[in-house]
Amino acid sequence: MAQPTTAAPRRTAHDARAPLLFGGVYGAVVASAMVAALSVAGHESRASRRYDAVWLLVTAFASALAHGYAHFIAEREPHRRGQAVRALAAEWPLVVAMLPSVLILAGAGWGWWPARSVEYPAFAFNIGMLFGLGLISARWAGRRWPAALVGGATDALLGLIVVVANALIK
């Protein structure tokens, strides 16, 4: 009787795309929830928006570190040298997805646009990003354009529901 092989499974294009989509969606939702929480706290001055931008950037890196660390621990296989660093570095899509919100808040803090109600453009951008990621994901899955557009809109709506729920909880 032949012994089963333990060769590593072959990576597919889907495997490489999943972290990009996951990081983008997770980053957009976390950024929106953080902006909502900071806005509820009454932050509307230029100085407070600069502070909010820094806090959001710190949150982006902390979230990436926590998520990468969780992946590293959850795999529970013998670890090779540098594997933990690679697991943490693989979380870059989450950080990149949060950077537009950081820039929107920082821009309000620097006087590029009004500091008051700047959370609405941040929300709009993030919901648009969720729509785009949903659309891309559906197209990568082989769906036709009409179905992909519906999928993107559904993903944006689900993201909006998650953001509103997070804002209400905090």
Protein backbone atom coordinates (compact mmCIF):
# COMPACT_ATOMS: atom_id res chain seq x y z
CA MET A 1 0.00 0.00 0.00
CA ALA A 2 1.40 3.40 -0.99
CA GLN A 3 2.10 5.99 1.66
CA PRO A 4 0.37 9.36 1.26
CA THR A 5 2.72 12.15 0.30
CA THR A 6 3.15 15.20 2.48
CA ALA A 7 4.10 17.56 -0.33
CA ALA A 8 2.96 21.11 0.16
CA PRO A 9 -0.20 21.97 -1.77
CA ARG A 10 0.35 24.03 -4.90
CA ARG A 11 -0.55 27.71 -4.51
CA THR A 12 -3.08 29.05 -6.95
CA ALA A 13 -3.80 32.59 -8.08
CA HIS A 14 -6.79 32.53 -5.73
CA ASP A 15 -4.49 31.82 -2.79
CA ALA A 16 -2.35 34.86 -3.63
CA ARG A 17 -5.39 37.13 -4.05
CA ALA A 18 -7.16 36.17 -0.84
CA PRO A 19 -4.80 38.10 1.50
CA LEU A 20 -5.16 41.20 -0.67
CA LEU A 21 -8.93 41.05 -0.54
CA PHE A 22 -9.03 40.14 3.13
CA GLY A 23 -6.63 42.93 4.09
CA GLY A 24 -8.50 45.46 1.99
CA VAL A 25 -11.90 44.59 3.41
CA TYR A 26 -10.66 44.33 6.97
CA GLY A 27 -8.73 47.60 6.69
CA ALA A 28 -11.68 49.50 5.23
CA VAL A 29 -14.02 48.27 7.96
CA VAL A 30 -11.57 48.94 10.80
CA ALA A 31 -10.76 52.41 9.42
CA SER A 32 -14.44 53.31 9.16
CA ALA A 33 -15.20 52.02 12.64
CA MET A 34 -12.26 53.96 14.10
CA VAL A 35 -13.23 57.17 12.31
CA ALA A 36 -16.78 56.75 13.59
CA ALA A 37 -15.58 56.14 17.15
CA LEU A 38 -13.25 59.14 17.04
CA SER A 39 -15.97 61.36 15.56
CA VAL A 40 -18.46 60.36 18.24
CA ALA A 41 -15.88 61.55 20.76
CA GLY A 42 -16.42 65.08 19.41
CA HIS A 43 -13.16 65.48 17.52
CA GLU A 44 -13.78 68.33 15.08
CA SER A 45 -10.81 70.69 15.43
CA ARG A 46 -7.76 70.63 13.17
CA ALA A 47 -5.55 69.54 16.06
CA SER A 48 -7.87 66.70 17.01
CA ARG A 49 -8.03 65.51 13.38
CA ARG A 50 -4.23 65.35 13.27
CA TYR A 51 -4.36 63.33 16.50
CA ASP A 52 -7.06 61.11 14.97
CA ALA A 53 -4.87 60.49 11.91
CA VAL A 54 -1.95 59.41 14.09
CA TRP A 55 -4.21 57.22 16.21
CA LEU A 56 -5.66 55.59 13.08
CA LEU A 57 -2.15 54.93 11.75
CA VAL A 58 -1.13 53.34 15.05
CA THR A 59 -4.31 51.24 14.93
CA ALA A 60 -3.48 50.12 11.38
CA PHE A 61 -0.08 48.83 12.41
CA ALA A 62 -1.37 47.33 15.66
CA SER A 63 -4.16 45.52 13.78
CA ALA A 64 -1.68 44.19 11.21
CA LEU A 65 0.68 43.02 13.93
CA ALA A 66 -2.13 41.32 15.87
CA HIS A 67 -3.52 39.66 12.77
CA GLY A 68 -0.12 38.50 11.52
CA TYR A 69 0.77 37.17 14.96
CA ALA A 70 -2.55 35.31 15.15
CA HIS A 71 -1.87 33.67 11.77
CA PHE A 72 1.62 32.70 12.89
CA ILE A 73 0.35 31.10 16.10
CA ALA A 74 -2.71 29.48 14.51
CA GLU A 75 -0.71 27.55 11.94
CA ARG A 76 0.98 25.50 14.69
CA GLU A 77 3.59 23.92 12.50
CA PRO A 78 7.33 23.86 12.98
CA HIS A 79 8.47 27.41 12.36
CA ARG A 80 11.49 28.32 10.32
CA ARG A 81 13.74 31.30 10.99
CA GLY A 82 12.13 34.53 9.84
CA GLN A 83 8.67 33.01 9.41
CA ALA A 84 7.18 35.26 12.10
CA VAL A 85 8.50 38.37 10.34
CA ARG A 86 7.09 37.14 7.02
CA ALA A 87 3.70 36.49 8.66
CA LEU A 88 3.65 40.04 10.02
CA ALA A 89 4.84 41.57 6.75
CA ALA A 90 2.09 39.73 4.86
CA GLU A 91 -0.46 41.98 6.56
CA TRP A 92 0.54 45.02 4.47
CA PRO A 93 -2.80 45.11 2.57
CA LEU A 94 -4.61 45.88 5.84
CA VAL A 95 -2.32 48.86 6.50
CA VAL A 96 -2.54 50.12 2.92
CA ALA A 97 -6.35 49.93 3.02
CA MET A 98 -6.38 52.18 6.09
CA LEU A 99 -3.99 54.81 4.69
CA PRO A 100 -6.62 56.75 2.67
CA SER A 101 -8.61 57.36 5.87
CA VAL A 102 -5.40 58.43 7.61
CA LEU A 103 -4.75 60.87 4.77
CA ILE A 104 -8.32 62.22 4.86
CA LEU A 105 -8.06 62.90 8.59
CA ALA A 106 -4.53 64.30 8.32
CA GLY A 107 -5.59 66.53 5.43
CA ALA A 108 -8.35 67.98 7.61
CA GLY A 109 -5.79 68.48 10.36
CA TRP A 110 -3.44 70.28 7.98
CA GLY A 111 -6.21 72.55 6.73
CA TRP A 112 -6.58 71.06 3.25
CA TRP A 113 -10.34 70.80 3.86
CA PRO A 114 -12.65 71.51 6.79
CA ALA A 115 -12.05 69.42 9.91
CA ARG A 116 -15.75 69.32 10.73
CA SER A 117 -17.66 66.30 9.37
CA VAL A 118 -14.60 64.87 7.61
CA GLU A 119 -15.76 61.41 8.66
CA TYR A 120 -18.33 61.41 5.84
CA PRO A 121 -15.75 61.52 3.03
CA ALA A 122 -13.76 58.83 4.89
CA PHE A 123 -16.87 56.64 5.12
CA ALA A 124 -17.71 57.26 1.45
CA PHE A 125 -14.20 56.32 0.38
CA ASN A 126 -14.19 53.14 2.48
CA ILE A 127 -17.64 52.04 1.32
CA GLY A 128 -16.49 52.69 -2.26
CA MET A 129 -13.41 50.57 -1.56
CA LEU A 130 -15.63 47.75 -0.26
CA PHE A 131 -17.73 47.98 -3.43
CA GLY A 132 -14.58 47.84 -5.58
CA LEU A 133 -13.13 44.90 -3.68
CA GLY A 134 -16.43 43.04 -3.91
CA LEU A 135 -16.58 43.72 -7.64
CA ILE A 136 -12.98 42.57 -8.18
CA SER A 137 -13.55 39.46 -6.07
CA ALA A 138 -16.65 38.54 -8.06
CA ARG A 139 -14.88 39.07 -11.37
CA TRP A 140 -11.90 36.97 -10.21
CA ALA A 141 -14.42 34.25 -9.29
CA GLY A 142 -15.63 34.27 -12.91
CA ARG A 143 -18.94 36.09 -12.42
CA ARG A 144 -20.35 38.16 -15.25
CA TRP A 145 -20.49 41.94 -14.93
CA PRO A 146 -24.14 42.23 -13.80
CA ALA A 147 -23.63 39.64 -11.05
CA ALA A 148 -20.30 41.22 -10.11
CA LEU A 149 -21.93 44.65 -9.79
CA VAL A 150 -24.65 43.22 -7.56
CA GLY A 151 -22.00 41.42 -5.53
CA GLY A 152 -19.99 44.63 -5.12
CA ALA A 153 -23.09 46.56 -4.06
CA THR A 154 -24.02 43.81 -1.59
CA ASP A 155 -20.51 43.82 -0.14
CA ALA A 156 -20.63 47.61 0.23
CA LEU A 157 -24.01 47.35 1.99
CA LEU A 158 -22.74 44.63 4.32
CA GLY A 159 -19.70 46.77 5.06
CA LEU A 160 -21.94 49.72 5.84
CA ILE A 161 -23.98 47.58 8.24
CA VAL A 162 -20.81 46.36 9.99
CA VAL A 163 -19.47 49.94 10.28
CA VAL A 164 -22.76 51.25 11.69
CA ALA A 165 -22.92 48.33 14.14
CA ASN A 166 -19.35 48.97 15.27
CA ALA A 167 -20.06 52.68 15.69
CA LEU A 168 -23.15 51.97 17.79
CA ILE A 169 -21.30 49.48 19.97
CA LYS A 170 -18.43 51.88 20.68
